[in-house]
Amino acid sequence: MTNLFWIVTVSFGCFLFWQQRRQTELAQKFIEQRCEKLGLQLLSTARGSHKLRDEQQWHWHTVYWFEFSADGQDYYQGYIVMKGFRPMRFYVPPHHLPDEY
């Protein structure tokens, strides 16, 4: 019986890891698409925290932080909130637009 418990526990842990990797890859794709659409250079991405509650409601979500540059000399930090495999909130802070010559 204990062997079955450990098999189920390890299988569940592997399943959670696989789902987290899939969510991270989708978040990266959403971030890249948004930066490309806005004409921004993506510098880095990082998984932030898992949370059970936000300001409005209870739900499991993950925050991903990213850094971007508008003109190659500065950088800003934004974030995306993923609930499952869907982006729920995407925040890009106000940033300096490069001068066009």
PDB file of N, CA and C in Angstrom:
ATOM      1  N   MET A   1       0.809  -1.194   0.000  1.00  0.00           N
ATOM      2  CA  MET A   1       0.000   0.000   0.000  1.00  0.00           C
ATOM      3  C   MET A   1       0.855   1.263   0.000  1.00  0.00           C
ATOM      4  N   THR A   2       1.975   1.225   0.732  1.00  0.00           N
ATOM      5  CA  THR A   2       2.838   2.410   0.758  1.00  0.00           C
ATOM      6  C   THR A   2       3.490   2.645  -0.595  1.00  0.00           C
ATOM      7  N   ASN A   3       3.772   1.558  -1.333  1.00  0.00           N
ATOM      8  CA  ASN A   3       4.338   1.738  -2.672  1.00  0.00           C
ATOM      9  C   ASN A   3       3.365   2.469  -3.585  1.00  0.00           C
ATOM     10  N   LEU A   4       2.095   2.125  -3.496  1.00  0.00           N
ATOM     11  CA  LEU A   4       1.081   2.796  -4.298  1.00  0.00           C
ATOM     12  C   LEU A   4       0.998   4.274  -3.931  1.00  0.00           C
ATOM     13  N   PHE A   5       1.076   4.579  -2.639  1.00  0.00           N
ATOM     14  CA  PHE A   5       1.051   5.969  -2.188  1.00  0.00           C
ATOM     15  C   PHE A   5       2.196   6.758  -2.799  1.00  0.00           C
ATOM     16  N   TRP A   6       3.402   6.193  -2.778  1.00  0.00           N
ATOM     17  CA  TRP A   6       4.565   6.899  -3.314  1.00  0.00           C
ATOM     18  C   TRP A   6       4.495   7.025  -4.830  1.00  0.00           C
ATOM     19  N   ILE A   7       3.976   6.037  -5.494  1.00  0.00           N
ATOM     20  CA  ILE A   7       3.825   6.122  -6.949  1.00  0.00           C
ATOM     21  C   ILE A   7       2.850   7.237  -7.310  1.00  0.00           C
ATOM     22  N   VAL A   8       1.738   7.317  -6.614  1.00  0.00           N
ATOM     23  CA  VAL A   8       0.754   8.371  -6.869  1.00  0.00           C
ATOM     24  C   VAL A   8       1.344   9.745  -6.516  1.00  0.00           C
ATOM     25  N   THR A   9       2.049   9.848  -5.420  1.00  0.00           N
ATOM     26  CA  THR A   9       2.651  11.114  -5.001  1.00  0.00           C
ATOM     27  C   THR A   9       3.683  11.601  -6.009  1.00  0.00           C
ATOM     28  N   VAL A  10       4.569  10.723  -6.431  1.00  0.00           N
ATOM     29  CA  VAL A  10       5.585  11.105  -7.422  1.00  0.00           C
ATOM     30  C   VAL A  10       4.934  11.451  -8.761  1.00  0.00           C
ATOM     31  N   SER A  11       3.935  10.682  -9.154  1.00  0.00           N
ATOM     32  CA  SER A  11       3.225  10.970 -10.412  1.00  0.00           C
ATOM     33  C   SER A  11       2.543  12.330 -10.356  1.00  0.00           C
ATOM     34  N   PHE A  12       1.911  12.640  -9.242  1.00  0.00           N
ATOM     35  CA  PHE A  12       1.255  13.932  -9.085  1.00  0.00           C
ATOM     36  C   PHE A  12       2.269  15.076  -9.103  1.00  0.00           C
ATOM     37  N   GLY A  13       3.406  14.879  -8.455  1.00  0.00           N
ATOM     38  CA  GLY A  13       4.481  15.887  -8.481  1.00  0.00           C
ATOM     39  C   GLY A  13       4.998  16.121  -9.892  1.00  0.00           C
ATOM     40  N   CYS A  14       5.175  15.047 -10.658  1.00  0.00           N
ATOM     41  CA  CYS A  14       5.615  15.176 -12.056  1.00  0.00           C
ATOM     42  C   CYS A  14       4.564  15.887 -12.893  1.00  0.00           C
ATOM     43  N   PHE A  15       3.304  15.578 -12.654  1.00  0.00           N
ATOM     44  CA  PHE A  15       2.220  16.237 -13.377  1.00  0.00           C
ATOM     45  C   PHE A  15       2.214  17.735 -13.090  1.00  0.00           C
ATOM     46  N   LEU A  16       2.364  18.125 -11.815  1.00  0.00           N
ATOM     47  CA  LEU A  16       2.394  19.543 -11.470  1.00  0.00           C
ATOM     48  C   LEU A  16       3.587  20.248 -12.098  1.00  0.00           C
ATOM     49  N   PHE A  17       4.749  19.596 -12.099  1.00  0.00           N
ATOM     50  CA  PHE A  17       5.931  20.173 -12.729  1.00  0.00           C
ATOM     51  C   PHE A  17       5.705  20.376 -14.224  1.00  0.00           C
ATOM     52  N   TRP A  18       5.138  19.393 -14.893  1.00  0.00           N
ATOM     53  CA  TRP A  18       4.874  19.473 -16.327  1.00  0.00           C
ATOM     54  C   TRP A  18       3.890  20.594 -16.632  1.00  0.00           C
ATOM     55  N   GLN A  19       2.838  20.719 -15.830  1.00  0.00           N
ATOM     56  CA  GLN A  19       1.864  21.786 -16.040  1.00  0.00           C
ATOM     57  C   GLN A  19       2.490  23.164 -15.806  1.00  0.00           C
ATOM     58  N   GLN A  20       3.365  23.295 -14.817  1.00  0.00           N
ATOM     59  CA  GLN A  20       4.036  24.566 -14.558  1.00  0.00           C
ATOM     60  C   GLN A  20       4.952  24.937 -15.711  1.00  0.00           C
ATOM     61  N   ARG A  21       5.655  23.963 -16.265  1.00  0.00           N
ATOM     62  CA  ARG A  21       6.521  24.231 -17.419  1.00  0.00           C
ATOM     63  C   ARG A  21       5.692  24.688 -18.620  1.00  0.00           C
ATOM     64  N   ARG A  22       4.559  24.037 -18.827  1.00  0.00           N
ATOM     65  CA  ARG A  22       3.681  24.417 -19.933  1.00  0.00           C
ATOM     66  C   ARG A  22       3.157  25.845 -19.739  1.00  0.00           C
ATOM     67  N   GLN A  23       2.759  26.190 -18.523  1.00  0.00           N
ATOM     68  CA  GLN A  23       2.276  27.538 -18.243  1.00  0.00           C
ATOM     69  C   GLN A  23       3.390  28.569 -18.450  1.00  0.00           C
ATOM     70  N   THR A  24       4.602  28.237 -18.024  1.00  0.00           N
ATOM     71  CA  THR A  24       5.732  29.148 -18.192  1.00  0.00           C
ATOM     72  C   THR A  24       6.020  29.391 -19.673  1.00  0.00           C
ATOM     73  N   GLU A  25       5.975  28.347 -20.483  1.00  0.00           N
ATOM     74  CA  GLU A  25       6.210  28.505 -21.916  1.00  0.00           C
ATOM     75  C   GLU A  25       5.129  29.365 -22.561  1.00  0.00           C
ATOM     76  N   LEU A  26       3.883  29.180 -22.159  1.00  0.00           N
ATOM     77  CA  LEU A  26       2.803  30.014 -22.702  1.00  0.00           C
ATOM     78  C   LEU A  26       2.944  31.470 -22.255  1.00  0.00           C
ATOM     79  N   ALA A  27       3.304  31.693 -21.005  1.00  0.00           N
ATOM     80  CA  ALA A  27       3.510  33.059 -20.518  1.00  0.00           C
ATOM     81  C   ALA A  27       4.631  33.734 -21.300  1.00  0.00           C
ATOM     82  N   GLN A  28       5.712  33.006 -21.545  1.00  0.00           N
ATOM     83  CA  GLN A  28       6.826  33.549 -22.338  1.00  0.00           C
ATOM     84  C   GLN A  28       6.352  33.942 -23.732  1.00  0.00           C
ATOM     85  N   LYS A  29       5.540  33.109 -24.334  1.00  0.00           N
ATOM     86  CA  LYS A  29       5.008  33.389 -25.674  1.00  0.00           C
ATOM     87  C   LYS A  29       4.117  34.636 -25.659  1.00  0.00           C
ATOM     88  N   PHE A  30       3.235  34.743 -24.661  1.00  0.00           N
ATOM     89  CA  PHE A  30       2.371  35.923 -24.559  1.00  0.00           C
ATOM     90  C   PHE A  30       3.181  37.190 -24.361  1.00  0.00           C
ATOM     91  N   ILE A  31       4.210  37.128 -23.525  1.00  0.00           N
ATOM     92  CA  ILE A  31       5.065  38.287 -23.271  1.00  0.00           C
ATOM     93  C   ILE A  31       5.793  38.691 -24.543  1.00  0.00           C
ATOM     94  N   GLU A  32       6.361  37.732 -25.260  1.00  0.00           N
ATOM     95  CA  GLU A  32       7.064  38.034 -26.505  1.00  0.00           C
ATOM     96  C   GLU A  32       6.133  38.671 -27.527  1.00  0.00           C
ATOM     97  N   GLN A  33       4.926  38.146 -27.649  1.00  0.00           N
ATOM     98  CA  GLN A  33       3.967  38.705 -28.604  1.00  0.00           C
ATOM     99  C   GLN A  33       3.587  40.133 -28.240  1.00  0.00           C
ATOM    100  N   ARG A  34       3.350  40.402 -26.963  1.00  0.00           N
ATOM    101  CA  ARG A  34       2.954  41.743 -26.544  1.00  0.00           C
ATOM    102  C   ARG A  34       4.093  42.739 -26.762  1.00  0.00           C
ATOM    103  N   CYS A  35       5.324  42.343 -26.432  1.00  0.00           N
ATOM    104  CA  CYS A  35       6.463  43.233 -26.636  1.00  0.00           C
ATOM    105  C   CYS A  35       6.668  43.515 -28.122  1.00  0.00           C
ATOM    106  N   GLU A  36       6.507  42.498 -28.949  1.00  0.00           N
ATOM    107  CA  GLU A  36       6.651  42.694 -30.389  1.00  0.00           C
ATOM    108  C   GLU A  36       5.565  43.633 -30.909  1.00  0.00           C
ATOM    109  N   LYS A  37       4.351  43.454 -30.447  1.00  0.00           N
ATOM    110  CA  LYS A  37       3.233  44.302 -30.872  1.00  0.00           C
ATOM    111  C   LYS A  37       3.460  45.758 -30.474  1.00  0.00           C
ATOM    112  N   LEU A  38       4.049  45.985 -29.301  1.00  0.00           N
ATOM    113  CA  LEU A  38       4.293  47.343 -28.818  1.00  0.00           C
ATOM    114  C   LEU A  38       5.627  47.907 -29.285  1.00  0.00           C
ATOM    115  N   GLY A  39       6.415  47.120 -29.998  1.00  0.00           N
ATOM    116  CA  GLY A  39       7.710  47.583 -30.480  1.00  0.00           C
ATOM    117  C   GLY A  39       8.749  47.700 -29.385  1.00  0.00           C
ATOM    118  N   LEU A  40       8.708  46.801 -28.422  1.00  0.00           N
ATOM    119  CA  LEU A  40       9.635  46.821 -27.303  1.00  0.00           C
ATOM    120  C   LEU A  40      10.617  45.670 -27.406  1.00  0.00           C
ATOM    121  N   GLN A  41      11.781  45.877 -26.831  1.00  0.00           N
ATOM    122  CA  GLN A  41      12.797  44.832 -26.800  1.00  0.00           C
ATOM    123  C   GLN A  41      12.680  44.087 -25.475  1.00  0.00           C
ATOM    124  N   LEU A  42      12.402  42.797 -25.529  1.00  0.00           N
ATOM    125  CA  LEU A  42      12.293  41.980 -24.324  1.00  0.00           C
ATOM    126  C   LEU A  42      13.689  41.642 -23.824  1.00  0.00           C
ATOM    127  N   LEU A  43      13.942  41.915 -22.545  1.00  0.00           N
ATOM    128  CA  LEU A  43      15.259  41.669 -21.969  1.00  0.00           C
ATOM    129  C   LEU A  43      15.307  40.365 -21.171  1.00  0.00           C
ATOM    130  N   SER A  44      14.325  40.144 -20.310  1.00  0.00           N
ATOM    131  CA  SER A  44      14.334  38.931 -19.499  1.00  0.00           C
ATOM    132  C   SER A  44      12.940  38.653 -18.956  1.00  0.00           C
ATOM    133  N   THR A  45      12.731  37.404 -18.581  1.00  0.00           N
ATOM    134  CA  THR A  45      11.485  37.003 -17.935  1.00  0.00           C
ATOM    135  C   THR A  45      11.825  36.123 -16.736  1.00  0.00           C
ATOM    136  N   ALA A  46      10.934  36.142 -15.755  1.00  0.00           N
ATOM    137  CA  ALA A  46      11.136  35.318 -14.565  1.00  0.00           C
ATOM    138  C   ALA A  46       9.781  34.989 -13.951  1.00  0.00           C
ATOM    139  N   ARG A  47       9.668  33.786 -13.454  1.00  0.00           N
ATOM    140  CA  ARG A  47       8.442  33.419 -12.757  1.00  0.00           C
ATOM    141  C   ARG A  47       8.498  34.033 -11.369  1.00  0.00           C
ATOM    142  N   GLY A  48       7.452  34.719 -11.013  1.00  0.00           N
ATOM    143  CA  GLY A  48       7.375  35.356  -9.706  1.00  0.00           C
ATOM    144  C   GLY A  48       6.822  34.394  -8.678  1.00  0.00           C
ATOM    145  N   SER A  49       5.633  34.666  -8.234  1.00  0.00           N
ATOM    146  CA  SER A  49       5.066  33.880  -7.148  1.00  0.00           C
ATOM    147  C   SER A  49       3.746  33.252  -7.550  1.00  0.00           C
ATOM    148  N   HIS A  50       3.372  32.244  -6.809  1.00  0.00           N
ATOM    149  CA  HIS A  50       2.050  31.646  -6.922  1.00  0.00           C
ATOM    150  C   HIS A  50       1.214  32.259  -5.808  1.00  0.00           C
ATOM    151  N   LYS A  51      -0.002  32.608  -6.131  1.00  0.00           N
ATOM    152  CA  LYS A  51      -0.878  33.189  -5.122  1.00  0.00           C
ATOM    153  C   LYS A  51      -2.243  32.539  -5.208  1.00  0.00           C
ATOM    154  N   LEU A  52      -2.924  32.537  -4.096  1.00  0.00           N
ATOM    155  CA  LEU A  52      -4.260  31.962  -4.035  1.00  0.00           C
ATOM    156  C   LEU A  52      -5.336  33.039  -4.127  1.00  0.00           C
ATOM    157  N   ARG A  53      -4.988  34.283  -3.798  1.00  0.00           N
ATOM    158  CA  ARG A  53      -5.990  35.339  -3.791  1.00  0.00           C
ATOM    159  C   ARG A  53      -5.390  36.617  -4.361  1.00  0.00           C
ATOM    160  N   ASP A  54      -6.183  37.334  -5.156  1.00  0.00           N
ATOM    161  CA  ASP A  54      -5.788  38.672  -5.578  1.00  0.00           C
ATOM    162  C   ASP A  54      -6.748  39.673  -4.948  1.00  0.00           C
ATOM    163  N   GLU A  55      -6.784  40.891  -5.441  1.00  0.00           N
ATOM    164  CA  GLU A  55      -7.593  41.932  -4.821  1.00  0.00           C
ATOM    165  C   GLU A  55      -9.096  41.637  -4.903  1.00  0.00           C
ATOM    166  N   GLN A  56      -9.553  40.997  -5.968  1.00  0.00           N
ATOM    167  CA  GLN A  56     -10.981  40.812  -6.175  1.00  0.00           C
ATOM    168  C   GLN A  56     -11.502  39.451  -5.726  1.00  0.00           C
ATOM    169  N   GLN A  57     -10.787  38.394  -5.996  1.00  0.00           N
ATOM    170  CA  GLN A  57     -11.375  37.078  -5.787  1.00  0.00           C
ATOM    171  C   GLN A  57     -10.319  36.033  -5.423  1.00  0.00           C
ATOM    172  N   TRP A  58     -10.814  34.872  -5.034  1.00  0.00           N
ATOM    173  CA  TRP A  58      -9.968  33.736  -4.721  1.00  0.00           C
ATOM    174  C   TRP A  58      -9.782  32.897  -5.980  1.00  0.00           C
ATOM    175  N   HIS A  59      -8.568  32.706  -6.399  1.00  0.00           N
ATOM    176  CA  HIS A  59      -8.236  31.756  -7.461  1.00  0.00           C
ATOM    177  C   HIS A  59      -6.721  31.602  -7.504  1.00  0.00           C
ATOM    178  N   TRP A  60      -6.299  30.437  -7.908  1.00  0.00           N
ATOM    179  CA  TRP A  60      -4.873  30.140  -7.993  1.00  0.00           C
ATOM    180  C   TRP A  60      -4.320  30.805  -9.243  1.00  0.00           C
ATOM    181  N   HIS A  61      -3.276  31.618  -9.087  1.00  0.00           N
ATOM    182  CA  HIS A  61      -2.667  32.268 -10.231  1.00  0.00           C
ATOM    183  C   HIS A  61      -1.164  32.420 -10.005  1.00  0.00           C
ATOM    184  N   THR A  62      -0.468  32.632 -11.107  1.00  0.00           N
ATOM    185  CA  THR A  62       0.979  32.770 -11.081  1.00  0.00           C
ATOM    186  C   THR A  62       1.357  34.093 -11.727  1.00  0.00           C
ATOM    187  N   VAL A  63       2.301  34.791 -11.131  1.00  0.00           N
ATOM    188  CA  VAL A  63       2.771  36.070 -11.648  1.00  0.00           C
ATOM    189  C   VAL A  63       4.121  35.859 -12.314  1.00  0.00           C
ATOM    190  N   TYR A  64       4.267  36.369 -13.531  1.00  0.00           N
ATOM    191  CA  TYR A  64       5.530  36.326 -14.264  1.00  0.00           C
ATOM    192  C   TYR A  64       5.996  37.759 -14.484  1.00  0.00           C
ATOM    193  N   TRP A  65       7.225  38.047 -14.110  1.00  0.00           N
ATOM    194  CA  TRP A  65       7.810  39.372 -14.287  1.00  0.00           C
ATOM    195  C   TRP A  65       8.650  39.383 -15.554  1.00  0.00           C
ATOM    196  N   PHE A  66       8.692  40.519 -16.221  1.00  0.00           N
ATOM    197  CA  PHE A  66       9.559  40.654 -17.387  1.00  0.00           C
ATOM    198  C   PHE A  66      10.134  42.061 -17.437  1.00  0.00           C
ATOM    199  N   GLU A  67      11.320  42.155 -18.017  1.00  0.00           N
ATOM    200  CA  GLU A  67      11.978  43.444 -18.213  1.00  0.00           C
ATOM    201  C   GLU A  67      12.045  43.707 -19.699  1.00  0.00           C
ATOM    202  N   PHE A  68      11.843  44.963 -20.057  1.00  0.00           N
ATOM    203  CA  PHE A  68      11.885  45.347 -21.458  1.00  0.00           C
ATOM    204  C   PHE A  68      12.531  46.717 -21.594  1.00  0.00           C
ATOM    205  N   SER A  69      12.918  47.021 -22.817  1.00  0.00           N
ATOM    206  CA  SER A  69      13.515  48.312 -23.123  1.00  0.00           C
ATOM    207  C   SER A  69      12.794  48.916 -24.316  1.00  0.00           C
ATOM    208  N   ALA A  70      12.620  50.217 -24.275  1.00  0.00           N
ATOM    209  CA  ALA A  70      11.971  50.909 -25.384  1.00  0.00           C
ATOM    210  C   ALA A  70      12.990  51.422 -26.385  1.00  0.00           C
ATOM    211  N   ASP A  71      14.163  51.841 -25.911  1.00  0.00           N
ATOM    212  CA  ASP A  71      15.156  52.404 -26.818  1.00  0.00           C
ATOM    213  C   ASP A  71      16.534  51.757 -26.710  1.00  0.00           C
ATOM    214  N   GLY A  72      16.668  50.704 -25.930  1.00  0.00           N
ATOM    215  CA  GLY A  72      17.939  50.000 -25.802  1.00  0.00           C
ATOM    216  C   GLY A  72      18.847  50.562 -24.728  1.00  0.00           C
ATOM    217  N   GLN A  73      18.495  51.699 -24.142  1.00  0.00           N
ATOM    218  CA  GLN A  73      19.338  52.297 -23.107  1.00  0.00           C
ATOM    219  C   GLN A  73      18.689  52.283 -21.731  1.00  0.00           C
ATOM    220  N   ASP A  74      17.414  52.059 -21.673  1.00  0.00           N
ATOM    221  CA  ASP A  74      16.712  52.026 -20.408  1.00  0.00           C
ATOM    222  C   ASP A  74      16.023  50.674 -20.242  1.00  0.00           C
ATOM    223  N   TYR A  75      15.457  50.446 -19.071  1.00  0.00           N
ATOM    224  CA  TYR A  75      14.676  49.227 -18.914  1.00  0.00           C
ATOM    225  C   TYR A  75      13.532  49.480 -17.943  1.00  0.00           C
ATOM    226  N   TYR A  76      12.492  48.735 -18.138  1.00  0.00           N
ATOM    227  CA  TYR A  76      11.293  48.821 -17.310  1.00  0.00           C
ATOM    228  C   TYR A  76      10.864  47.404 -16.943  1.00  0.00           C
ATOM    229  N   GLN A  77      10.035  47.313 -15.911  1.00  0.00           N
ATOM    230  CA  GLN A  77       9.588  45.998 -15.469  1.00  0.00           C
ATOM    231  C   GLN A  77       8.060  45.944 -15.501  1.00  0.00           C
ATOM    232  N   GLY A  78       7.540  44.916 -16.144  1.00  0.00           N
ATOM    233  CA  GLY A  78       6.112  44.678 -16.202  1.00  0.00           C
ATOM    234  C   GLY A  78       5.809  43.288 -15.682  1.00  0.00           C
ATOM    235  N   TYR A  79       4.545  42.925 -15.724  1.00  0.00           N
ATOM    236  CA  TYR A  79       4.189  41.582 -15.273  1.00  0.00           C
ATOM    237  C   TYR A  79       2.945  41.091 -15.994  1.00  0.00           C
ATOM    238  N   ILE A  80       2.797  39.789 -15.976  1.00  0.00           N
ATOM    239  CA  ILE A  80       1.611  39.125 -16.498  1.00  0.00           C
ATOM    240  C   ILE A  80       1.126  38.165 -15.418  1.00  0.00           C
ATOM    241  N   VAL A  81      -0.190  38.101 -15.244  1.00  0.00           N
ATOM    242  CA  VAL A  81      -0.793  37.180 -14.284  1.00  0.00           C
ATOM    243  C   VAL A  81      -1.473  36.083 -15.087  1.00  0.00           C
ATOM    244  N   MET A  82      -1.077  34.857 -14.841  1.00  0.00           N
ATOM    245  CA  MET A  82      -1.635  33.707 -15.550  1.00  0.00           C
ATOM    246  C   MET A  82      -2.527  32.923 -14.603  1.00  0.00           C
ATOM    247  N   LYS A  83      -3.732  32.631 -15.058  1.00  0.00           N
ATOM    248  CA  LYS A  83      -4.631  31.724 -14.340  1.00  0.00           C
ATOM    249  C   LYS A  83      -4.770  30.505 -15.226  1.00  0.00           C
ATOM    250  N   GLY A  84      -4.170  29.422 -14.802  1.00  0.00           N
ATOM    251  CA  GLY A  84      -4.131  28.240 -15.663  1.00  0.00           C
ATOM    252  C   GLY A  84      -3.255  28.547 -16.868  1.00  0.00           C
ATOM    253  N   PHE A  85      -3.825  28.392 -18.043  1.00  0.00           N
ATOM    254  CA  PHE A  85      -3.060  28.642 -19.264  1.00  0.00           C
ATOM    255  C   PHE A  85      -3.534  29.905 -19.974  1.00  0.00           C
ATOM    256  N   ARG A  86      -4.250  30.762 -19.253  1.00  0.00           N
ATOM    257  CA  ARG A  86      -4.755  31.999 -19.842  1.00  0.00           C
ATOM    258  C   ARG A  86      -4.167  33.207 -19.131  1.00  0.00           C
ATOM    259  N   PRO A  87      -3.806  34.229 -19.901  1.00  0.00           N
ATOM    260  CA  PRO A  87      -3.366  35.469 -19.252  1.00  0.00           C
ATOM    261  C   PRO A  87      -4.580  36.224 -18.716  1.00  0.00           C
ATOM    262  N   MET A  88      -4.537  36.589 -17.451  1.00  0.00           N
ATOM    263  CA  MET A  88      -5.652  37.312 -16.839  1.00  0.00           C
ATOM    264  C   MET A  88      -5.387  38.810 -16.792  1.00  0.00           C
ATOM    265  N   ARG A  89      -4.163  39.207 -16.575  1.00  0.00           N
ATOM    266  CA  ARG A  89      -3.807  40.617 -16.501  1.00  0.00           C
ATOM    267  C   ARG A  89      -2.414  40.789 -17.094  1.00  0.00           C
ATOM    268  N   PHE A  90      -2.261  41.846 -17.862  1.00  0.00           N
ATOM    269  CA  PHE A  90      -0.971  42.142 -18.475  1.00  0.00           C
ATOM    270  C   PHE A  90      -0.661  43.595 -18.165  1.00  0.00           C
ATOM    271  N   TYR A  91       0.432  43.857 -17.453  1.00  0.00           N
ATOM    272  CA  TYR A  91       0.771  45.216 -17.062  1.00  0.00           C
ATOM    273  C   TYR A  91       2.093  45.618 -17.700  1.00  0.00           C
ATOM    274  N   VAL A  92       2.029  46.667 -18.507  1.00  0.00           N
ATOM    275  CA  VAL A  92       3.220  47.292 -19.077  1.00  0.00           C
ATOM    276  C   VAL A  92       3.214  48.724 -18.555  1.00  0.00           C
ATOM    277  N   PRO A  93       4.189  49.109 -17.744  1.00  0.00           N
ATOM    278  CA  PRO A  93       4.173  50.450 -17.151  1.00  0.00           C
ATOM    279  C   PRO A  93       4.406  51.529 -18.210  1.00  0.00           C
ATOM    280  N   PRO A  94       4.028  52.755 -17.896  1.00  0.00           N
ATOM    281  CA  PRO A  94       4.333  53.858 -18.816  1.00  0.00           C
ATOM    282  C   PRO A  94       5.846  53.926 -19.023  1.00  0.00           C
ATOM    283  N   HIS A  95       6.255  54.113 -20.248  1.00  0.00           N
ATOM    284  CA  HIS A  95       7.673  54.118 -20.553  1.00  0.00           C
ATOM    285  C   HIS A  95       7.968  55.170 -21.613  1.00  0.00           C
ATOM    286  N   HIS A  96       9.213  55.555 -21.684  1.00  0.00           N
ATOM    287  CA  HIS A  96       9.681  56.550 -22.638  1.00  0.00           C
ATOM    288  C   HIS A  96       9.701  55.937 -24.035  1.00  0.00           C
ATOM    289  N   LEU A  97       9.117  56.648 -24.969  1.00  0.00           N
ATOM    290  CA  LEU A  97       9.171  56.193 -26.358  1.00  0.00           C
ATOM    291  C   LEU A  97      10.385  56.803 -27.035  1.00  0.00           C
ATOM    292  N   PRO A  98      11.112  56.038 -27.831  1.00  0.00           N
ATOM    293  CA  PRO A  98      12.306  56.600 -28.484  1.00  0.00           C
ATOM    294  C   PRO A  98      11.912  57.672 -29.485  1.00  0.00           C
ATOM    295  N   ASP A  99      12.789  58.663 -29.617  1.00  0.00           N
ATOM    296  CA  ASP A  99      12.560  59.715 -30.592  1.00  0.00           C
ATOM    297  C   ASP A  99      12.827  59.187 -31.985  1.00  0.00           C
ATOM    298  N   GLU A 100      11.951  59.524 -32.901  1.00  0.00           N
ATOM    299  CA  GLU A 100      12.122  59.137 -34.309  1.00  0.00           C
ATOM    300  C   GLU A 100      12.823  60.271 -35.033  1.00  0.00           C
ATOM    301  N   TYR A 101      13.889  59.988 -35.704  1.00  0.00           N
ATOM    302  CA  TYR A 101      14.619  61.023 -36.465  1.00  0.00           C
ATOM    303  C   TYR A 101      14.319  60.891 -37.930  1.00  0.00           C
TER     304      TYR A 101
END
